Amino acid sequence: MSTETACVAAFLATAAAQEILALKPSDTDGVVEMRRQRGERPPTLPAERHAWGLTYCLMVAAERGSSWRSIVATEVISYALDLLLQDPASLKSDVDAHLAKARARANALVDGGDLDGAVSSLINDVCAGPAPLSRNKAVVLEIIGKKTAQIGDAEAVRKFIEVFV
């Protein structure tokens, strides 16, 4: 066993790492949302999002040891307070700006003839934006969008891009 592997194994055997690895997805939702708001792009699959949250917690534990929980909690609470204190008008402008960029990217793909890619791009962007869709809503919109793209009518896809999201 290499020294690096031994170090990783020793870390994973610590109480802090074991506690983190036992976290449920709902326990890491705040971490995922905080990272997303910091500009990082979370994975779209729930299991990958959970792993992404666990990874952050493990990194904090590797640096700070058993105090990882209070450090992560403080960061998430601080993020939540910043959101609460944020001017609702500025949040709306952030959402509007994000949607405008998402629509522009999707329309560029339509211009290039990639109707299916335009729908996928739009759904992925909206799921990762400042006011993300729930996964259920995203799935329904993706089905509608993909069916629209299958028709092969670029204008119908443009209409979907403007109206449904």
N, C-alpha and C. Protein backbone atom coordinates (compact mmCIF):
# COMPACT_ATOMS: atom_id res chain seq x y z
N MET A 1 0.85 -1.17 0.00
CA MET A 1 0.00 0.00 0.00
C MET A 1 0.90 1.23 0.00
N SER A 2 0.60 2.18 -0.91
CA SER A 2 1.40 3.39 -0.98
C SER A 2 1.11 4.28 0.22
N THR A 3 1.98 5.23 0.44
CA THR A 3 1.81 6.17 1.55
C THR A 3 0.53 6.97 1.39
N GLU A 4 0.24 7.41 0.16
CA GLU A 4 -0.97 8.18 -0.10
C GLU A 4 -2.22 7.36 0.20
N THR A 5 -2.23 6.12 -0.26
CA THR A 5 -3.37 5.24 -0.01
C THR A 5 -3.55 5.01 1.48
N ALA A 6 -2.44 4.82 2.19
CA ALA A 6 -2.50 4.62 3.64
C ALA A 6 -3.06 5.86 4.34
N CYS A 7 -2.68 7.04 3.87
CA CYS A 7 -3.19 8.29 4.46
C CYS A 7 -4.69 8.42 4.24
N VAL A 8 -5.13 8.12 3.03
CA VAL A 8 -6.57 8.18 2.72
C VAL A 8 -7.32 7.17 3.58
N ALA A 9 -6.81 5.96 3.66
CA ALA A 9 -7.47 4.92 4.47
C ALA A 9 -7.54 5.35 5.93
N ALA A 10 -6.46 5.92 6.45
CA ALA A 10 -6.45 6.38 7.84
C ALA A 10 -7.47 7.50 8.05
N PHE A 11 -7.54 8.42 7.11
CA PHE A 11 -8.52 9.51 7.22
C PHE A 11 -9.95 8.97 7.19
N LEU A 12 -10.23 8.06 6.26
CA LEU A 12 -11.58 7.52 6.14
C LEU A 12 -12.00 6.71 7.36
N ALA A 13 -11.03 6.27 8.15
CA ALA A 13 -11.33 5.53 9.37
C ALA A 13 -11.61 6.44 10.55
N THR A 14 -11.40 7.75 10.39
CA THR A 14 -11.64 8.68 11.50
C THR A 14 -13.13 8.81 11.78
N ALA A 15 -13.45 9.23 12.99
CA ALA A 15 -14.85 9.42 13.38
C ALA A 15 -15.51 10.49 12.52
N ALA A 16 -14.78 11.55 12.20
CA ALA A 16 -15.35 12.63 11.38
C ALA A 16 -15.72 12.12 9.99
N ALA A 17 -14.82 11.38 9.35
CA ALA A 17 -15.11 10.86 8.01
C ALA A 17 -16.26 9.86 8.06
N GLN A 18 -16.30 9.02 9.08
CA GLN A 18 -17.39 8.05 9.20
C GLN A 18 -18.74 8.75 9.40
N GLU A 19 -18.72 9.82 10.18
CA GLU A 19 -19.95 10.59 10.40
C GLU A 19 -20.43 11.23 9.09
N ILE A 20 -19.51 11.76 8.32
CA ILE A 20 -19.86 12.39 7.04
C ILE A 20 -20.40 11.35 6.06
N LEU A 21 -19.73 10.23 5.97
CA LEU A 21 -20.16 9.21 5.02
C LEU A 21 -21.53 8.63 5.37
N ALA A 22 -21.99 8.82 6.60
CA ALA A 22 -23.30 8.33 7.02
C ALA A 22 -24.41 9.36 6.77
N LEU A 23 -24.06 10.56 6.30
CA LEU A 23 -25.06 11.59 6.06
C LEU A 23 -26.02 11.19 4.94
N LYS A 24 -27.29 11.55 5.11
CA LYS A 24 -28.31 11.29 4.10
C LYS A 24 -28.28 12.44 3.09
N PRO A 25 -28.85 12.24 1.90
CA PRO A 25 -28.89 13.33 0.92
C PRO A 25 -29.52 14.61 1.47
N SER A 26 -30.57 14.48 2.28
CA SER A 26 -31.21 15.68 2.83
C SER A 26 -30.27 16.43 3.77
N ASP A 27 -29.30 15.73 4.34
CA ASP A 27 -28.32 16.38 5.22
C ASP A 27 -27.32 17.23 4.45
N THR A 28 -27.14 16.95 3.17
CA THR A 28 -26.15 17.69 2.38
C THR A 28 -26.79 18.70 1.43
N ASP A 29 -28.13 18.81 1.44
CA ASP A 29 -28.80 19.74 0.53
C ASP A 29 -28.32 21.18 0.72
N GLY A 30 -28.16 21.61 1.96
CA GLY A 30 -27.70 22.98 2.22
C GLY A 30 -26.31 23.23 1.67
N VAL A 31 -25.43 22.25 1.79
CA VAL A 31 -24.07 22.38 1.27
C VAL A 31 -24.10 22.49 -0.26
N VAL A 32 -24.92 21.65 -0.88
CA VAL A 32 -25.03 21.67 -2.34
C VAL A 32 -25.54 23.03 -2.81
N GLU A 33 -26.57 23.52 -2.15
CA GLU A 33 -27.15 24.82 -2.53
C GLU A 33 -26.15 25.95 -2.31
N MET A 34 -25.42 25.90 -1.20
CA MET A 34 -24.42 26.93 -0.93
C MET A 34 -23.35 26.94 -2.01
N ARG A 35 -22.87 25.75 -2.38
CA ARG A 35 -21.83 25.67 -3.42
C ARG A 35 -22.37 26.17 -4.76
N ARG A 36 -23.64 25.84 -5.05
CA ARG A 36 -24.24 26.29 -6.30
C ARG A 36 -24.32 27.82 -6.33
N GLN A 37 -24.70 28.41 -5.21
CA GLN A 37 -24.81 29.86 -5.14
C GLN A 37 -23.44 30.54 -5.23
N ARG A 38 -22.40 29.82 -4.89
CA ARG A 38 -21.04 30.36 -5.02
C ARG A 38 -20.53 30.29 -6.46
N GLY A 39 -21.35 29.75 -7.35
CA GLY A 39 -20.98 29.70 -8.76
C GLY A 39 -20.52 28.35 -9.26
N GLU A 40 -20.48 27.37 -8.37
CA GLU A 40 -20.11 26.02 -8.80
C GLU A 40 -21.32 25.36 -9.43
N ARG A 41 -21.10 24.46 -10.36
CA ARG A 41 -22.21 23.80 -11.05
C ARG A 41 -22.39 22.39 -10.49
N PRO A 42 -23.51 22.17 -9.78
CA PRO A 42 -23.72 20.85 -9.19
C PRO A 42 -24.10 19.81 -10.23
N PRO A 43 -23.81 18.57 -9.96
CA PRO A 43 -24.29 17.50 -10.85
C PRO A 43 -25.82 17.48 -10.85
N THR A 44 -26.40 16.92 -11.89
CA THR A 44 -27.86 16.90 -11.98
C THR A 44 -28.48 15.66 -11.34
N LEU A 45 -27.77 14.55 -11.31
CA LEU A 45 -28.33 13.33 -10.71
C LEU A 45 -28.28 13.42 -9.18
N PRO A 46 -29.36 13.02 -8.51
CA PRO A 46 -29.40 13.13 -7.05
C PRO A 46 -28.23 12.45 -6.33
N ALA A 47 -27.86 11.26 -6.75
CA ALA A 47 -26.75 10.56 -6.08
C ALA A 47 -25.44 11.32 -6.26
N GLU A 48 -25.25 11.91 -7.43
CA GLU A 48 -24.03 12.69 -7.67
C GLU A 48 -24.04 13.98 -6.87
N ARG A 49 -25.23 14.60 -6.73
CA ARG A 49 -25.34 15.82 -5.92
C ARG A 49 -25.00 15.50 -4.45
N HIS A 50 -25.49 14.35 -3.97
CA HIS A 50 -25.20 13.93 -2.61
C HIS A 50 -23.69 13.73 -2.43
N ALA A 51 -23.07 13.04 -3.37
CA ALA A 51 -21.62 12.82 -3.31
C ALA A 51 -20.87 14.14 -3.35
N TRP A 52 -21.37 15.09 -4.12
CA TRP A 52 -20.75 16.41 -4.24
C TRP A 52 -20.79 17.12 -2.89
N GLY A 53 -21.92 17.01 -2.18
CA GLY A 53 -22.03 17.59 -0.84
C GLY A 53 -21.13 16.88 0.16
N LEU A 54 -21.09 15.55 0.07
CA LEU A 54 -20.21 14.77 0.97
C LEU A 54 -18.75 15.14 0.75
N THR A 55 -18.37 15.30 -0.51
CA THR A 55 -16.98 15.63 -0.83
C THR A 55 -16.56 16.94 -0.17
N TYR A 56 -17.45 17.93 -0.22
CA TYR A 56 -17.14 19.20 0.42
C TYR A 56 -16.93 19.01 1.92
N CYS A 57 -17.83 18.28 2.55
CA CYS A 57 -17.71 18.03 3.99
C CYS A 57 -16.43 17.27 4.31
N LEU A 58 -16.09 16.29 3.49
CA LEU A 58 -14.85 15.53 3.70
C LEU A 58 -13.62 16.42 3.57
N MET A 59 -13.66 17.35 2.60
CA MET A 59 -12.52 18.26 2.43
C MET A 59 -12.35 19.14 3.67
N VAL A 60 -13.47 19.64 4.21
CA VAL A 60 -13.39 20.46 5.42
C VAL A 60 -12.86 19.62 6.58
N ALA A 61 -13.35 18.39 6.70
CA ALA A 61 -12.89 17.50 7.79
C ALA A 61 -11.40 17.19 7.64
N ALA A 62 -10.94 17.01 6.40
CA ALA A 62 -9.52 16.72 6.19
C ALA A 62 -8.64 17.90 6.63
N GLU A 63 -9.16 19.11 6.44
CA GLU A 63 -8.40 20.30 6.82
C GLU A 63 -8.56 20.67 8.29
N ARG A 64 -9.78 20.49 8.84
CA ARG A 64 -10.08 21.02 10.16
C ARG A 64 -10.44 19.98 11.20
N GLY A 65 -10.49 18.70 10.81
CA GLY A 65 -10.74 17.64 11.78
C GLY A 65 -12.17 17.59 12.28
N SER A 66 -12.30 17.29 13.56
CA SER A 66 -13.62 17.03 14.13
C SER A 66 -14.51 18.27 14.20
N SER A 67 -13.97 19.45 13.98
CA SER A 67 -14.79 20.67 14.01
C SER A 67 -15.48 20.91 12.66
N TRP A 68 -15.38 19.94 11.74
CA TRP A 68 -15.95 20.11 10.41
C TRP A 68 -17.43 20.49 10.45
N ARG A 69 -18.20 19.85 11.35
CA ARG A 69 -19.66 20.07 11.37
C ARG A 69 -19.98 21.53 11.69
N SER A 70 -19.34 22.10 12.70
CA SER A 70 -19.65 23.49 13.06
C SER A 70 -19.17 24.45 11.97
N ILE A 71 -18.08 24.14 11.32
CA ILE A 71 -17.58 25.00 10.23
C ILE A 71 -18.54 24.98 9.06
N VAL A 72 -18.96 23.79 8.64
CA VAL A 72 -19.90 23.68 7.51
C VAL A 72 -21.23 24.31 7.88
N ALA A 73 -21.72 24.06 9.08
CA ALA A 73 -23.00 24.64 9.50
C ALA A 73 -22.94 26.16 9.50
N THR A 74 -21.84 26.72 9.98
CA THR A 74 -21.67 28.17 9.99
C THR A 74 -21.68 28.73 8.57
N GLU A 75 -21.01 28.05 7.65
CA GLU A 75 -20.99 28.50 6.26
C GLU A 75 -22.39 28.45 5.64
N VAL A 76 -23.12 27.37 5.88
CA VAL A 76 -24.46 27.23 5.30
C VAL A 76 -25.41 28.26 5.92
N ILE A 77 -25.34 28.45 7.22
CA ILE A 77 -26.20 29.44 7.89
C ILE A 77 -25.86 30.85 7.39
N SER A 78 -24.59 31.15 7.26
CA SER A 78 -24.17 32.46 6.74
C SER A 78 -24.71 32.69 5.34
N TYR A 79 -24.61 31.66 4.51
CA TYR A 79 -25.15 31.74 3.14
C TYR A 79 -26.66 32.01 3.20
N ALA A 80 -27.38 31.28 4.05
CA ALA A 80 -28.84 31.43 4.15
C ALA A 80 -29.21 32.83 4.64
N LEU A 81 -28.47 33.35 5.61
CA LEU A 81 -28.74 34.71 6.09
C LEU A 81 -28.49 35.74 5.00
N ASP A 82 -27.43 35.55 4.23
CA ASP A 82 -27.17 36.45 3.11
C ASP A 82 -28.34 36.46 2.14
N LEU A 83 -28.91 35.29 1.88
CA LEU A 83 -30.07 35.21 0.99
C LEU A 83 -31.28 35.93 1.58
N LEU A 84 -31.50 35.73 2.89
CA LEU A 84 -32.64 36.38 3.54
C LEU A 84 -32.51 37.90 3.53
N LEU A 85 -31.29 38.38 3.66
CA LEU A 85 -31.06 39.82 3.70
C LEU A 85 -30.95 40.44 2.31
N GLN A 86 -30.90 39.59 1.31
CA GLN A 86 -30.77 40.09 -0.06
C GLN A 86 -32.06 40.76 -0.50
N ASP A 87 -31.91 41.83 -1.22
CA ASP A 87 -33.05 42.55 -1.77
C ASP A 87 -33.79 41.66 -2.76
N PRO A 88 -35.10 41.43 -2.55
CA PRO A 88 -35.84 40.56 -3.48
C PRO A 88 -35.74 41.01 -4.93
N ALA A 89 -35.65 42.31 -5.15
CA ALA A 89 -35.55 42.82 -6.53
C ALA A 89 -34.23 42.38 -7.16
N SER A 90 -33.15 42.36 -6.38
CA SER A 90 -31.86 41.94 -6.95
C SER A 90 -31.86 40.44 -7.23
N LEU A 91 -32.55 39.67 -6.37
CA LEU A 91 -32.65 38.23 -6.62
C LEU A 91 -33.43 37.99 -7.91
N LYS A 92 -34.52 38.74 -8.11
CA LYS A 92 -35.30 38.60 -9.33
C LYS A 92 -34.45 38.98 -10.53
N SER A 93 -33.63 40.02 -10.40
CA SER A 93 -32.79 40.41 -11.53
C SER A 93 -31.73 39.35 -11.80
N ASP A 94 -31.23 38.68 -10.75
CA ASP A 94 -30.28 37.57 -10.94
C ASP A 94 -30.95 36.43 -11.70
N VAL A 95 -32.18 36.10 -11.31
CA VAL A 95 -32.92 35.03 -11.98
C VAL A 95 -33.17 35.41 -13.43
N ASP A 96 -33.63 36.64 -13.65
CA ASP A 96 -33.91 37.09 -15.02
C ASP A 96 -32.65 37.06 -15.88
N ALA A 97 -31.53 37.49 -15.32
CA ALA A 97 -30.27 37.48 -16.08
C ALA A 97 -29.85 36.05 -16.40
N HIS A 98 -30.00 35.17 -15.43
CA HIS A 98 -29.63 33.77 -15.65
C HIS A 98 -30.51 33.15 -16.74
N LEU A 99 -31.82 33.40 -16.67
CA LEU A 99 -32.73 32.86 -17.69
C LEU A 99 -32.41 33.42 -19.07
N ALA A 100 -32.06 34.69 -19.14
CA ALA A 100 -31.72 35.30 -20.43
C ALA A 100 -30.49 34.62 -21.02
N LYS A 101 -29.48 34.34 -20.19
CA LYS A 101 -28.28 33.65 -20.68
C LYS A 101 -28.60 32.22 -21.10
N ALA A 102 -29.44 31.54 -20.30
CA ALA A 102 -29.83 30.16 -20.62
C ALA A 102 -30.58 30.12 -21.94
N ARG A 103 -31.49 31.05 -22.12
CA ARG A 103 -32.25 31.10 -23.38
C ARG A 103 -31.34 31.42 -24.56
N ALA A 104 -30.39 32.33 -24.36
CA ALA A 104 -29.47 32.69 -25.44
C ALA A 104 -28.63 31.48 -25.85
N ARG A 105 -28.13 30.72 -24.87
CA ARG A 105 -27.34 29.52 -25.19
C ARG A 105 -28.20 28.50 -25.94
N ALA A 106 -29.43 28.31 -25.48
CA ALA A 106 -30.32 27.35 -26.13
C ALA A 106 -30.65 27.80 -27.56
N ASN A 107 -30.94 29.08 -27.73
CA ASN A 107 -31.25 29.59 -29.07
C ASN A 107 -30.05 29.48 -30.01
N ALA A 108 -28.84 29.64 -29.47
CA ALA A 108 -27.64 29.47 -30.31
C ALA A 108 -27.55 28.03 -30.81
N LEU A 109 -27.91 27.08 -29.96
CA LEU A 109 -27.92 25.68 -30.39
C LEU A 109 -29.00 25.44 -31.45
N VAL A 110 -30.14 26.09 -31.29
CA VAL A 110 -31.19 25.99 -32.31
C VAL A 110 -30.65 26.54 -33.64
N ASP A 111 -29.96 27.69 -33.57
CA ASP A 111 -29.37 28.28 -34.78
C ASP A 111 -28.43 27.30 -35.47
N GLY A 112 -27.72 26.50 -34.67
CA GLY A 112 -26.80 25.51 -35.21
C GLY A 112 -27.48 24.21 -35.63
N GLY A 113 -28.79 24.13 -35.45
CA GLY A 113 -29.53 22.93 -35.86
C GLY A 113 -29.62 21.84 -34.81
N ASP A 114 -29.08 22.09 -33.62
CA ASP A 114 -29.12 21.07 -32.55
C ASP A 114 -30.33 21.32 -31.65
N LEU A 115 -31.49 20.90 -32.10
CA LEU A 115 -32.73 21.16 -31.37
C LEU A 115 -32.77 20.40 -30.04
N ASP A 116 -32.37 19.14 -30.06
CA ASP A 116 -32.34 18.33 -28.86
C ASP A 116 -31.34 18.91 -27.84
N GLY A 117 -30.17 19.30 -28.34
CA GLY A 117 -29.15 19.90 -27.47
C GLY A 117 -29.62 21.22 -26.87
N ALA A 118 -30.43 21.97 -27.62
CA ALA A 118 -30.96 23.24 -27.12
C ALA A 118 -31.87 23.00 -25.92
N VAL A 119 -32.72 21.99 -26.01
CA VAL A 119 -33.62 21.66 -24.90
C VAL A 119 -32.81 21.19 -23.69
N SER A 120 -31.86 20.30 -23.91
CA SER A 120 -31.02 19.80 -22.81
C SER A 120 -30.25 20.93 -22.14
N SER A 121 -29.68 21.82 -22.94
CA SER A 121 -28.93 22.95 -22.41
C SER A 121 -29.81 23.83 -21.53
N LEU A 122 -31.00 24.14 -22.03
CA LEU A 122 -31.92 24.99 -21.30
C LEU A 122 -32.32 24.35 -19.96
N ILE A 123 -32.68 23.09 -19.99
CA ILE A 123 -33.10 22.41 -18.75
C ILE A 123 -31.95 22.35 -17.75
N ASN A 124 -30.75 22.00 -18.22
CA ASN A 124 -29.59 21.95 -17.33
C ASN A 124 -29.29 23.31 -16.72
N ASP A 125 -29.36 24.37 -17.54
CA ASP A 125 -29.10 25.71 -17.02
C ASP A 125 -30.14 26.13 -15.98
N VAL A 126 -31.40 25.84 -16.27
CA VAL A 126 -32.46 26.24 -15.35
C VAL A 126 -32.37 25.46 -14.04
N CYS A 127 -31.95 24.21 -14.09
CA CYS A 127 -31.79 23.41 -12.87
C CYS A 127 -30.62 23.89 -12.03
N ALA A 128 -29.67 24.58 -12.64
CA ALA A 128 -28.48 25.02 -11.91
C ALA A 128 -28.52 26.53 -11.62
N GLY A 129 -29.62 27.19 -11.89
CA GLY A 129 -29.69 28.63 -11.74
C GLY A 129 -29.98 29.09 -10.33
N PRO A 130 -30.15 30.40 -10.17
CA PRO A 130 -30.40 30.96 -8.84
C PRO A 130 -31.75 30.56 -8.25
N ALA A 131 -32.68 30.13 -9.07
CA ALA A 131 -33.98 29.63 -8.59
C ALA A 131 -34.27 28.33 -9.34
N PRO A 132 -33.56 27.25 -8.97
CA PRO A 132 -33.65 26.02 -9.76
C PRO A 132 -35.02 25.36 -9.71
N LEU A 133 -35.36 24.71 -10.81
CA LEU A 133 -36.59 23.92 -10.87
C LEU A 133 -36.41 22.68 -10.01
N SER A 134 -37.53 22.18 -9.51
CA SER A 134 -37.46 20.89 -8.85
C SER A 134 -37.16 19.84 -9.92
N ARG A 135 -36.62 18.73 -9.52
CA ARG A 135 -36.28 17.68 -10.50
C ARG A 135 -37.54 17.18 -11.21
N ASN A 136 -38.67 17.09 -10.49
CA ASN A 136 -39.91 16.63 -11.11
C ASN A 136 -40.36 17.58 -12.22
N LYS A 137 -40.33 18.88 -11.94
CA LYS A 137 -40.72 19.87 -12.96
C LYS A 137 -39.76 19.81 -14.13
N ALA A 138 -38.48 19.66 -13.83
CA ALA A 138 -37.48 19.60 -14.90
C ALA A 138 -37.72 18.41 -15.82
N VAL A 139 -38.07 17.27 -15.23
CA VAL A 139 -38.32 16.07 -16.04
C VAL A 139 -39.52 16.29 -16.95
N VAL A 140 -40.58 16.86 -16.42
CA VAL A 140 -41.77 17.11 -17.23
C VAL A 140 -41.43 18.08 -18.37
N LEU A 141 -40.74 19.17 -18.05
CA LEU A 141 -40.37 20.13 -19.09
C LEU A 141 -39.43 19.51 -20.11
N GLU A 142 -38.52 18.65 -19.65
CA GLU A 142 -37.61 18.00 -20.58
C GLU A 142 -38.36 17.08 -21.54
N ILE A 143 -39.35 16.37 -21.04
CA ILE A 143 -40.15 15.50 -21.91
C ILE A 143 -40.87 16.34 -22.96
N ILE A 144 -41.51 17.43 -22.52
CA ILE A 144 -42.21 18.30 -23.46
C ILE A 144 -41.23 18.87 -24.48
N GLY A 145 -40.09 19.35 -24.00
CA GLY A 145 -39.09 19.94 -24.89
C GLY A 145 -38.52 18.95 -25.88
N LYS A 146 -38.22 17.74 -25.41
CA LYS A 146 -37.65 16.71 -26.29
C LYS A 146 -38.67 16.30 -27.36
N LYS A 147 -39.94 16.19 -26.97
CA LYS A 147 -40.98 15.86 -27.96
C LYS A 147 -41.08 16.99 -28.99
N THR A 148 -40.98 18.22 -28.54
CA THR A 148 -41.02 19.36 -29.45
C THR A 148 -39.82 19.31 -30.40
N ALA A 149 -38.65 18.98 -29.88
CA ALA A 149 -37.43 18.90 -30.71
C ALA A 149 -37.54 17.78 -31.73
N GLN A 150 -38.17 16.67 -31.36
CA GLN A 150 -38.30 15.53 -32.27
C GLN A 150 -39.10 15.88 -33.52
N ILE A 151 -40.00 16.85 -33.38
CA ILE A 151 -40.80 17.29 -34.53
C ILE A 151 -39.88 17.87 -35.60
N GLY A 152 -38.77 18.48 -35.16
CA GLY A 152 -37.80 19.04 -36.10
C GLY A 152 -38.09 20.47 -36.51
N ASP A 153 -39.00 21.13 -35.82
CA ASP A 153 -39.37 22.51 -36.15
C ASP A 153 -38.62 23.47 -35.22
N ALA A 154 -37.65 24.19 -35.78
CA ALA A 154 -36.82 25.10 -34.98
C ALA A 154 -37.66 26.17 -34.30
N GLU A 155 -38.67 26.68 -35.00
CA GLU A 155 -39.50 27.73 -34.40
C GLU A 155 -40.31 27.20 -33.22
N ALA A 156 -40.76 25.96 -33.29
CA ALA A 156 -41.48 25.35 -32.16
C ALA A 156 -40.55 25.23 -30.96
N VAL A 157 -39.30 24.88 -31.19
CA VAL A 157 -38.33 24.78 -30.08
C VAL A 157 -38.06 26.17 -29.52
N ARG A 158 -37.92 27.18 -30.37
CA ARG A 158 -37.73 28.55 -29.89
C ARG A 158 -38.90 28.98 -29.00
N LYS A 159 -40.10 28.63 -29.43
CA LYS A 159 -41.30 28.97 -28.66
C LYS A 159 -41.25 28.28 -27.29
N PHE A 160 -40.84 27.01 -27.28
CA PHE A 160 -40.68 26.28 -26.02
C PHE A 160 -39.68 27.01 -25.11
N ILE A 161 -38.56 27.42 -25.69
CA ILE A 161 -37.52 28.11 -24.93
C ILE A 161 -38.06 29.39 -24.28
N GLU A 162 -38.86 30.13 -25.01
CA GLU A 162 -39.38 31.41 -24.50
C GLU A 162 -40.56 31.24 -23.55
N VAL A 163 -41.40 30.23 -23.77
CA VAL A 163 -42.65 30.14 -23.02
C VAL A 163 -42.57 29.25 -21.80
N PHE A 164 -41.97 28.09 -21.93
CA PHE A 164 -42.07 27.10 -20.86
C PHE A 164 -41.09 27.31 -19.73
N VAL A 165 -40.08 28.09 -19.92
CA VAL A 165 -39.10 28.28 -18.83
C VAL A 165 -38.99 29.76 -18.51
